[in-house]
Amino acid sequence: MEWTNEQIMAMAPDTATANRGKSLSSPTKWLEFYKGENVLWGKCKGSGKNPYLAAIDLNGPAFKCSCPSRKFPCKHGLGLMMIYVENASSFSPSEQIPESISTWLNKRKQKNTPENKSSAPSPEKEAAKANRFEKRKKLMASGIDDLQNWILDMIRTGLASISADHQLWESMAMRMVDAKMSGIARRIREIALLFRQNPDAYEEVLFALSDLYLITKSFYKIDDLNENLQRDIYAYLGVNTPSSEVLQSIPIQDEYWVLSIEESKNIDNALMRKTWLRGIHKNRFALIVEYDYTNAGFSFHWQLGRIYQADMYFFPRTIPLRAIAGQTTLTTKKIEDIKGINNFIDFKNKYQNYLAQQPWLSNIPELFLQVSPIKIEKRFYLLDQYQQTIALENDELKNWKAIAVSGGHPLDIFGEWDGRHFKIKTIIHNNRLINL
């Protein structure tokens, strides 16, 4: 496909890296560069003894470099890509791909390719796996008993008397870790953080505790529920479906529009990236969640507002949203027909239908068409064309930005609904997505 320098600069992790990459976009800064089948590589003189070897998988694109930078793409990858855009014929054709690059390409291919189903584990391994899970399930059952009693005791005592007791929350979180329920431990720590950020967050805390209590009641009847609901509960507790299993499913092939990219530190202080996409033809939302625990950066770089041809493997859930991207190719297409919901009555009906299927569901994505961000007294809302409103997350800076962009006119807005508030992620203005 055809690229522009502007698109390449947009891949940079920050402005400084983008500018350094631009400074390396001259062929004179490179010792050599080559092109193979859907791959570029080159050597650039650096500060060390040996030149840095940079490579680009054009199927992504994805970047690799031998330099010590922990940013992806680094300046060398960006510079190499810009040279290719400006003068592709200057790359010498070669089939002799360096071993380190060939190994990297093979790993990328294997990662996004479903495993051969003939390599299924032996019956002995399956039995051992089932036995381990039964042991874990007994531990979880004991932890669920503790959690339910803890929540009921807290409600009887009153949240006001214990809100500041950090040790109380952390102690229960550790008990959940011992019970092999890391998901519950993480949620308890998040609730404690609500109190530290806002000592008067009783309503939000009560809302979160009610979800936890509902999970405890559901766990007692988990064997009577259908398979997807069981998976929903186990995922909430912290039992995740292995990626290898997800990649065994049938992918949903579509052209996916990148609606939102958000990077933040999670409760474990790891960098988390959430990317929301929507299939143009099948209208399915997909959420890709990735973690970077080593500050090495993410190997694949989604571009906001761009359209990718992709195989999307969805985790088995009652309401399947989270997914793993398989084979992915950036296209030159632009969005032509934006599909979404233009009134909040339809959205609330849709959400109620979701809750009927999965009661503890949170963070539902939606794209609202022609709605206006407004402020009424001390609260922010979205207003649809029928004068219906839904409450916005109480993020003054983000909400004022949305109002400023709108200029008093309706906008198309994408975000997440958590059951009580809508969190704006991106605004579509003049056919351009703005990440808030």
Protein backbone atom coordinates (compact mmCIF):
# COMPACT_ATOMS: atom_id res chain seq x y z
CA MET A 1 0.00 0.00 0.00
CA GLU A 2 0.98 3.64 -0.33
CA TRP A 3 2.21 5.52 2.71
CA THR A 4 2.83 9.18 3.48
CA ASN A 5 5.41 10.68 5.83
CA GLU A 6 2.54 12.12 7.86
CA GLN A 7 1.17 8.63 8.48
CA ILE A 8 4.61 7.35 9.44
CA MET A 9 5.18 10.24 11.86
CA ALA A 10 1.82 9.37 13.45
CA MET A 11 3.20 5.94 14.38
CA ALA A 12 5.90 7.47 16.59
CA PRO A 13 5.48 6.93 20.35
CA ASP A 14 6.21 10.61 20.97
CA THR A 15 7.13 13.84 19.20
CA ALA A 16 10.83 13.61 20.06
CA THR A 17 11.13 10.15 18.49
CA ALA A 18 9.22 11.35 15.43
CA ASN A 19 11.65 14.24 14.94
CA ARG A 20 14.68 11.99 15.41
CA GLY A 21 13.23 9.55 12.91
CA LYS A 22 12.81 12.34 10.39
CA SER A 23 16.48 13.23 10.84
CA LEU A 24 17.35 9.65 9.78
CA SER A 25 15.19 9.74 6.65
CA SER A 26 18.19 10.57 4.46
CA PRO A 27 19.89 7.58 2.71
CA THR A 28 23.28 9.09 3.56
CA LYS A 29 22.66 8.23 7.24
CA TRP A 30 22.46 4.53 6.37
CA LEU A 31 25.14 2.05 5.39
CA GLU A 32 22.77 -0.18 3.41
CA PHE A 33 19.13 -1.12 3.08
CA TYR A 34 17.29 -4.01 1.45
CA LYS A 35 13.80 -5.22 0.55
CA GLY A 36 12.52 -8.77 0.66
CA GLU A 37 8.99 -10.11 0.38
CA ASN A 38 6.95 -7.77 2.60
CA VAL A 39 9.98 -6.89 4.70
CA LEU A 40 12.54 -4.06 4.79
CA TRP A 41 15.81 -3.96 6.67
CA GLY A 42 18.84 -1.75 6.86
CA LYS A 43 21.95 -0.89 8.84
CA CYS A 44 22.41 2.53 10.39
CA LYS A 45 25.59 3.82 12.01
CA GLY A 46 25.01 4.44 15.69
CA SER A 47 27.00 5.41 18.74
CA GLY A 48 28.10 1.82 19.38
CA LYS A 49 30.78 -0.28 17.76
CA ASN A 50 28.38 -2.10 15.44
CA PRO A 51 25.70 -0.51 13.24
CA TYR A 52 22.09 -0.94 14.29
CA LEU A 53 19.98 -3.38 12.29
CA ALA A 54 16.43 -2.12 11.79
CA ALA A 55 13.62 -4.07 10.14
CA ILE A 56 10.01 -3.48 9.15
CA ASP A 57 7.36 -6.13 8.56
CA LEU A 58 5.19 -4.46 5.91
CA ASN A 59 2.28 -6.75 6.76
CA GLY A 60 1.74 -4.74 9.95
CA PRO A 61 3.59 -2.64 9.77
CA ALA A 62 5.65 -3.81 12.73
CA PHE A 63 9.16 -2.75 13.69
CA LYS A 64 12.31 -4.33 15.12
CA CYS A 65 15.68 -2.76 15.84
CA SER A 66 18.90 -3.81 17.55
CA CYS A 67 19.36 -0.36 19.13
CA PRO A 68 18.94 -0.04 22.93
CA SER A 69 15.85 2.18 22.68
CA ARG A 70 12.79 0.89 24.50
CA LYS A 71 10.44 2.85 22.25
CA PHE A 72 8.62 1.21 19.35
CA PRO A 73 8.93 2.19 16.64
CA CYS A 74 12.32 3.72 17.37
CA LYS A 75 13.87 6.51 15.30
CA HIS A 76 15.68 3.99 13.08
CA GLY A 77 12.48 2.20 12.11
CA LEU A 78 10.74 5.49 11.36
CA GLY A 79 13.68 6.78 9.33
CA LEU A 80 13.92 3.56 7.32
CA MET A 81 10.19 3.68 6.55
CA MET A 82 10.42 7.29 5.36
CA ILE A 83 13.29 6.44 3.01
CA TYR A 84 11.18 3.64 1.55
CA VAL A 85 8.23 5.98 1.01
CA GLU A 86 10.37 8.61 -0.68
CA ASN A 87 12.48 6.27 -2.80
CA ALA A 88 11.50 2.60 -2.74
CA SER A 89 13.72 1.85 -5.74
CA SER A 90 16.83 2.66 -3.69
CA PHE A 91 16.28 -0.55 -1.67
CA SER A 92 18.28 -3.41 -3.05
CA PRO A 93 16.18 -6.57 -3.57
CA SER A 94 17.39 -9.52 -1.53
CA GLU A 95 16.18 -12.94 -0.43
CA GLN A 96 18.99 -13.31 2.13
CA ILE A 97 17.13 -12.04 5.17
CA PRO A 98 19.36 -11.75 8.27
CA GLU A 99 18.75 -14.60 10.70
CA SER A 100 17.57 -12.38 13.57
CA ILE A 101 14.98 -10.75 11.31
CA SER A 102 13.85 -14.06 9.84
CA THR A 103 13.35 -15.47 13.34
CA TRP A 104 11.36 -12.39 14.33
CA LEU A 105 9.13 -12.68 11.24
CA ASN A 106 8.46 -16.35 11.91
CA LYS A 107 7.49 -15.66 15.52
CA ARG A 108 5.10 -12.94 14.38
CA LYS A 109 3.53 -15.30 11.88
CA GLN A 110 3.16 -18.08 14.44
CA LYS A 111 1.68 -15.72 17.00
CA ASN A 112 -1.20 -14.78 14.73
CA THR A 113 -1.76 -18.22 13.22
CA PRO A 114 -4.08 -20.74 14.90
CA GLU A 115 -2.27 -23.81 16.13
CA ASN A 116 -2.65 -27.07 14.27
CA LYS A 117 -5.62 -28.82 15.81
CA SER A 118 -3.93 -32.15 15.33
CA SER A 119 -1.46 -31.17 18.03
CA ALA A 120 -4.11 -31.42 20.75
CA PRO A 121 -2.82 -32.35 24.20
CA SER A 122 -2.91 -35.99 25.22
CA PRO A 123 -5.77 -37.36 27.38
CA GLU A 124 -3.32 -37.60 30.29
CA LYS A 125 -2.48 -33.90 30.02
CA GLU A 126 -6.13 -32.98 29.71
CA ALA A 127 -6.93 -35.00 32.84
CA ALA A 128 -4.09 -33.36 34.76
CA LYS A 129 -5.31 -29.94 33.64
CA ALA A 130 -8.86 -30.71 34.77
CA ASN A 131 -7.56 -31.93 38.13
CA ARG A 132 -5.58 -28.71 38.66
CA PHE A 133 -8.63 -26.65 37.82
CA GLU A 134 -10.83 -28.55 40.28
CA LYS A 135 -8.31 -27.84 43.03
CA ARG A 136 -8.30 -24.18 42.08
CA LYS A 137 -12.09 -24.16 42.01
CA LYS A 138 -12.18 -25.39 45.62
CA LEU A 139 -9.83 -22.60 46.65
CA MET A 140 -12.01 -20.08 44.83
CA ALA A 141 -15.15 -21.42 46.52
CA SER A 142 -13.57 -20.84 49.92
CA GLY A 143 -12.53 -17.34 48.86
CA ILE A 144 -16.04 -16.60 47.59
CA ASP A 145 -17.45 -17.48 51.02
CA ASP A 146 -14.99 -15.04 52.64
CA LEU A 147 -15.79 -12.34 50.10
CA GLN A 148 -19.54 -12.59 50.53
CA ASN A 149 -19.31 -12.42 54.34
CA TRP A 150 -16.87 -9.50 54.07
CA ILE A 151 -19.22 -7.51 51.82
CA LEU A 152 -22.23 -8.17 54.06
CA ASP A 153 -20.27 -7.22 57.21
CA MET A 154 -19.12 -4.03 55.49
CA ILE A 155 -22.68 -3.04 54.58
CA ARG A 156 -23.90 -3.77 58.12
CA THR A 157 -21.05 -1.73 59.63
CA GLY A 158 -21.48 1.13 57.19
CA LEU A 159 -19.06 2.30 54.52
CA ALA A 160 -18.50 5.65 56.25
CA SER A 161 -16.77 3.99 59.18
CA ILE A 162 -14.26 2.01 57.11
CA SER A 163 -13.65 4.04 53.97
CA ALA A 164 -10.23 5.26 55.07
CA ASP A 165 -9.02 1.90 56.32
CA HIS A 166 -6.57 1.00 53.54
CA GLN A 167 -5.38 -2.10 55.36
CA LEU A 168 -8.90 -3.52 55.37
CA TRP A 169 -9.09 -3.40 51.56
CA GLU A 170 -5.56 -4.65 51.00
CA SER A 171 -5.99 -7.51 53.45
CA MET A 172 -9.05 -8.78 51.56
CA ALA A 173 -7.28 -8.30 48.22
CA MET A 174 -4.43 -10.53 49.44
CA ARG A 175 -6.92 -13.16 50.63
CA MET A 176 -8.38 -13.19 47.11
CA VAL A 177 -4.92 -13.65 45.63
CA ASP A 178 -4.42 -16.66 47.93
CA ALA A 179 -7.77 -17.98 46.70
CA LYS A 180 -6.51 -17.78 43.08
CA MET A 181 -8.89 -14.93 42.20
CA SER A 182 -6.58 -12.20 40.96
CA GLY A 183 -9.46 -10.50 39.12
CA ILE A 184 -11.35 -9.96 42.39
CA ALA A 185 -8.15 -8.78 44.12
CA ARG A 186 -7.60 -6.21 41.37
CA ARG A 187 -11.19 -5.01 41.62
CA ILE A 188 -10.97 -4.59 45.41
CA ARG A 189 -7.81 -2.49 45.01
CA GLU A 190 -9.58 -0.38 42.39
CA ILE A 191 -12.45 0.22 44.83
CA ALA A 192 -9.97 1.25 47.54
CA LEU A 193 -8.41 3.65 45.03
CA LEU A 194 -11.82 5.27 44.50
CA PHE A 195 -11.90 6.16 48.19
CA ARG A 196 -8.35 7.51 48.15
CA GLN A 197 -9.16 9.70 45.16
CA ASN A 198 -12.50 10.84 46.54
CA PRO A 199 -13.40 10.25 50.22
CA ASP A 200 -17.09 10.82 49.34
CA ALA A 201 -17.28 8.18 46.58
CA TYR A 202 -19.84 6.10 48.50
CA GLU A 203 -22.25 5.73 45.60
CA GLU A 204 -19.56 4.46 43.22
CA VAL A 205 -18.18 2.10 45.86
CA LEU A 206 -21.62 0.70 46.65
CA PHE A 207 -22.22 0.17 42.93
CA ALA A 208 -18.92 -1.75 42.62
CA LEU A 209 -19.57 -3.83 45.74
CA SER A 210 -23.00 -4.82 44.42
CA ASP A 211 -21.29 -6.23 41.32
CA LEU A 212 -18.93 -8.24 43.52
CA TYR A 213 -21.84 -9.55 45.58
CA LEU A 214 -23.69 -10.57 42.42
CA ILE A 215 -20.61 -12.50 41.31
CA THR A 216 -20.51 -14.39 44.63
CA LYS A 217 -24.16 -15.42 44.23
CA SER A 218 -23.55 -16.46 40.62
CA PHE A 219 -20.52 -18.55 41.53
CA TYR A 220 -22.61 -20.79 43.79
CA LYS A 221 -24.75 -21.74 40.75
CA ILE A 222 -22.01 -21.68 38.15
CA ASP A 223 -22.43 -25.34 37.16
CA ASP A 224 -26.06 -24.65 36.23
CA LEU A 225 -25.17 -21.81 33.84
CA ASN A 226 -24.39 -22.06 30.15
CA GLU A 227 -20.76 -22.29 29.04
CA ASN A 228 -20.35 -18.66 28.00
CA LEU A 229 -21.77 -17.34 31.29
CA GLN A 230 -19.39 -19.62 33.13
CA ARG A 231 -16.53 -18.14 31.13
CA ASP A 232 -17.77 -14.63 31.96
CA ILE A 233 -17.69 -15.39 35.69
CA TYR A 234 -14.31 -17.09 35.59
CA ALA A 235 -12.87 -14.17 33.60
CA TYR A 236 -14.19 -11.75 36.23
CA LEU A 237 -12.52 -13.86 38.93
CA GLY A 238 -9.23 -13.87 37.02
CA VAL A 239 -9.34 -17.19 35.14
CA ASN A 240 -8.57 -16.18 31.58
CA THR A 241 -9.08 -18.12 28.38
CA PRO A 242 -5.64 -18.90 26.89
CA SER A 243 -4.83 -17.00 23.70
CA SER A 244 -3.96 -20.31 22.03
CA GLU A 245 -7.52 -21.49 22.63
CA VAL A 246 -9.01 -18.24 21.29
CA LEU A 247 -6.91 -18.55 18.14
CA GLN A 248 -8.46 -21.98 17.52
CA SER A 249 -11.85 -20.36 16.93
CA ILE A 250 -13.23 -19.16 13.61
CA PRO A 251 -12.15 -15.54 13.02
CA ILE A 252 -14.53 -12.75 12.06
CA GLN A 253 -13.07 -11.31 8.87
CA ASP A 254 -13.90 -7.69 8.18
CA GLU A 255 -12.49 -4.26 7.53
CA TYR A 256 -12.00 -2.76 10.99
CA TRP A 257 -12.07 0.96 11.72
CA VAL A 258 -9.87 2.05 14.65
CA LEU A 259 -12.11 4.17 16.88
CA SER A 260 -10.01 4.66 20.00
CA ILE A 261 -6.50 4.02 21.31
CA GLU A 262 -5.83 4.54 25.01
CA GLU A 263 -2.67 3.86 26.98
CA SER A 264 -2.58 3.98 30.77
CA LYS A 265 -0.98 2.38 33.80
CA ASN A 266 -3.08 -0.35 35.34
CA ILE A 267 -3.36 -1.17 39.04
CA ASP A 268 -0.20 -3.31 38.75
CA ASN A 269 1.71 -0.36 37.25
CA ALA A 270 2.04 -2.05 33.86
CA LEU A 271 1.42 -0.10 30.66
CA MET A 272 -1.94 -1.12 29.24
CA ARG A 273 -3.19 -0.31 25.76
CA LYS A 274 -6.88 -0.56 24.88
CA THR A 275 -7.77 -0.34 21.21
CA TRP A 276 -11.41 -0.22 20.14
CA LEU A 277 -12.29 -1.14 16.56
CA ARG A 278 -15.51 -1.66 14.66
CA GLY A 279 -16.15 -3.90 11.67
CA ILE A 280 -17.40 -1.78 8.81
CA HIS A 281 -19.54 -4.49 7.22
CA LYS A 282 -20.60 -6.61 10.20
CA ASN A 283 -20.82 -3.73 12.70
CA ARG A 284 -19.11 -5.69 15.48
CA PHE A 285 -17.06 -3.85 18.07
CA ALA A 286 -13.73 -5.42 19.01
CA LEU A 287 -11.56 -4.55 22.00
CA ILE A 288 -7.87 -5.45 21.93
CA VAL A 289 -6.20 -5.23 25.34
CA GLU A 290 -2.39 -5.44 25.52
CA TYR A 291 0.10 -5.11 28.38
CA ASP A 292 3.73 -3.99 28.43
CA TYR A 293 5.45 -5.09 31.65
CA THR A 294 9.02 -4.37 30.49
CA ASN A 295 8.71 -0.89 28.88
CA ALA A 296 9.67 -2.46 25.57
CA GLY A 297 6.68 -0.94 23.79
CA PHE A 298 4.04 -2.64 21.66
CA SER A 299 5.16 -4.44 18.53
CA PHE A 300 2.09 -3.53 16.46
CA HIS A 301 1.00 0.08 15.99
CA TRP A 302 -2.64 0.78 15.32
CA GLN A 303 -3.40 4.15 13.77
CA LEU A 304 -6.45 6.07 14.94
CA GLY A 305 -9.07 6.49 12.25
CA ARG A 306 -7.44 4.04 9.81
CA ILE A 307 -9.09 0.93 8.38
CA TYR A 308 -7.47 -2.50 8.58
CA GLN A 309 -8.36 -5.72 6.85
CA ALA A 310 -8.15 -8.18 9.72
CA ASP A 311 -9.03 -11.59 11.08
CA MET A 312 -10.45 -11.00 14.54
CA TYR A 313 -10.57 -13.87 17.04
CA PHE A 314 -13.10 -13.14 19.78
CA PHE A 315 -12.87 -14.51 23.30
CA PRO A 316 -15.85 -16.80 24.01
CA ARG A 317 -18.22 -14.68 26.05
CA THR A 318 -21.95 -14.04 26.35
CA ILE A 319 -21.37 -10.59 24.84
CA PRO A 320 -18.10 -11.11 22.90
CA LEU A 321 -16.11 -7.88 22.74
CA ARG A 322 -12.50 -8.62 23.63
CA ALA A 323 -10.52 -10.05 20.74
CA ILE A 324 -7.10 -10.96 19.39
CA ALA A 325 -6.14 -9.65 15.96
CA GLY A 326 -4.80 -12.26 13.58
CA GLN A 327 -3.60 -11.45 10.09
CA THR A 328 -3.86 -7.67 9.80
CA THR A 329 -3.22 -5.37 6.84
CA LEU A 330 -3.54 -1.60 6.79
CA THR A 331 -5.68 -0.35 3.89
CA THR A 332 -5.93 3.02 2.16
CA LYS A 333 -9.71 3.08 2.53
CA LYS A 334 -11.53 5.89 4.28
CA ILE A 335 -14.74 5.62 6.23
CA GLU A 336 -17.72 6.59 4.10
CA ASP A 337 -20.82 5.62 6.04
CA ILE A 338 -20.64 6.10 9.80
CA LYS A 339 -23.10 3.80 11.57
CA GLY A 340 -24.22 4.31 15.13
CA ILE A 341 -27.14 5.17 17.39
CA ASN A 342 -28.80 8.58 17.19
CA ASN A 343 -31.04 8.42 20.26
CA PHE A 344 -30.55 7.33 23.82
CA ILE A 345 -33.83 5.42 24.14
CA ASP A 346 -32.61 2.86 21.62
CA PHE A 347 -29.26 2.70 23.39
CA LYS A 348 -30.82 2.12 26.80
CA ASN A 349 -32.97 -0.67 25.37
CA LYS A 350 -29.84 -2.22 23.86
CA TYR A 351 -28.04 -1.98 27.20
CA GLN A 352 -30.98 -3.52 29.08
CA ASN A 353 -30.92 -6.43 26.64
CA TYR A 354 -27.22 -6.89 27.32
CA LEU A 355 -27.78 -6.84 31.10
CA ALA A 356 -30.49 -9.46 30.79
CA GLN A 357 -27.90 -11.74 29.23
CA GLN A 358 -24.90 -10.77 31.38
CA PRO A 359 -25.82 -8.85 34.59
CA TRP A 360 -22.32 -7.71 35.63
CA LEU A 361 -21.35 -6.39 32.22
CA SER A 362 -19.53 -3.06 32.21
CA ASN A 363 -17.89 -0.69 29.75
CA ILE A 364 -20.13 -1.20 26.75
CA PRO A 365 -18.87 0.60 23.62
CA GLU A 366 -21.13 2.80 21.54
CA LEU A 367 -20.90 5.32 18.74
CA PHE A 368 -23.49 8.07 19.09
CA LEU A 369 -24.46 10.11 16.06
CA GLN A 370 -25.24 13.82 16.21
CA VAL A 371 -25.21 14.35 19.98
CA SER A 372 -24.12 17.44 21.89
CA PRO A 373 -21.97 17.61 25.04
CA ILE A 374 -23.55 20.05 27.49
CA LYS A 375 -23.30 21.15 31.10
CA ILE A 376 -26.36 21.49 33.35
CA GLU A 377 -25.56 23.03 36.72
CA LYS A 378 -22.60 20.98 38.01
CA ARG A 379 -22.96 17.92 35.78
CA PHE A 380 -22.02 17.12 32.18
CA TYR A 381 -24.33 15.27 29.79
CA LEU A 382 -24.79 14.23 26.19
CA LEU A 383 -27.96 15.53 24.53
CA ASP A 384 -29.52 13.74 21.56
CA GLN A 385 -31.76 15.23 18.87
CA TYR A 386 -34.86 14.16 20.83
CA GLN A 387 -33.76 16.13 23.93
CA GLN A 388 -32.91 12.97 25.85
CA THR A 389 -29.74 12.97 27.97
CA ILE A 390 -27.25 10.54 29.45
CA ALA A 391 -24.71 11.48 32.13
CA LEU A 392 -21.06 11.88 31.25
CA GLU A 393 -18.14 10.74 33.39
CA ASN A 394 -17.20 13.58 35.72
CA ASP A 395 -13.95 14.45 33.92
CA GLU A 396 -14.10 18.24 33.63
CA LEU A 397 -11.07 18.67 31.39
CA LYS A 398 -12.20 16.03 28.88
CA ASN A 399 -15.81 17.23 28.88
CA TRP A 400 -14.87 20.88 28.39
CA LYS A 401 -12.65 19.82 25.47
CA ALA A 402 -15.63 18.06 23.92
CA ILE A 403 -17.81 21.15 24.36
CA ALA A 404 -15.07 23.34 22.85
CA VAL A 405 -14.71 21.07 19.80
CA SER A 406 -18.48 20.95 19.28
CA GLY A 407 -18.85 24.73 19.26
CA GLY A 408 -22.48 24.20 20.19
CA HIS A 409 -23.10 21.83 17.26
CA PRO A 410 -23.91 18.10 17.34
CA LEU A 411 -21.02 15.63 16.95
CA ASP A 412 -20.46 11.94 16.41
CA ILE A 413 -18.93 10.63 19.65
CA PHE A 414 -17.49 7.23 20.55
CA GLY A 415 -17.00 6.02 24.10
CA GLU A 416 -17.85 3.51 26.84
CA TRP A 417 -20.93 3.22 29.03
CA ASP A 418 -20.27 1.80 32.50
CA GLY A 419 -23.90 1.51 33.54
CA ARG A 420 -24.04 4.97 35.09
CA HIS A 421 -21.85 7.30 33.03
CA PHE A 422 -20.60 7.59 29.46
CA LYS A 423 -16.85 8.01 29.05
CA ILE A 424 -15.93 9.92 25.90
CA LYS A 425 -13.01 8.33 24.06
CA THR A 426 -13.01 10.02 20.67
CA ILE A 427 -14.87 12.71 18.76
CA ILE A 428 -15.42 12.66 15.01
CA HIS A 429 -15.05 16.20 13.70
CA ASN A 430 -14.75 17.13 10.02
CA ASN A 431 -14.16 13.43 9.15
CA ARG A 432 -11.24 13.31 11.60
CA LEU A 433 -11.06 11.36 14.87
CA ILE A 434 -9.86 13.29 17.90
CA ASN A 435 -8.65 11.19 20.84
CA LEU A 436 -9.66 12.82 24.14
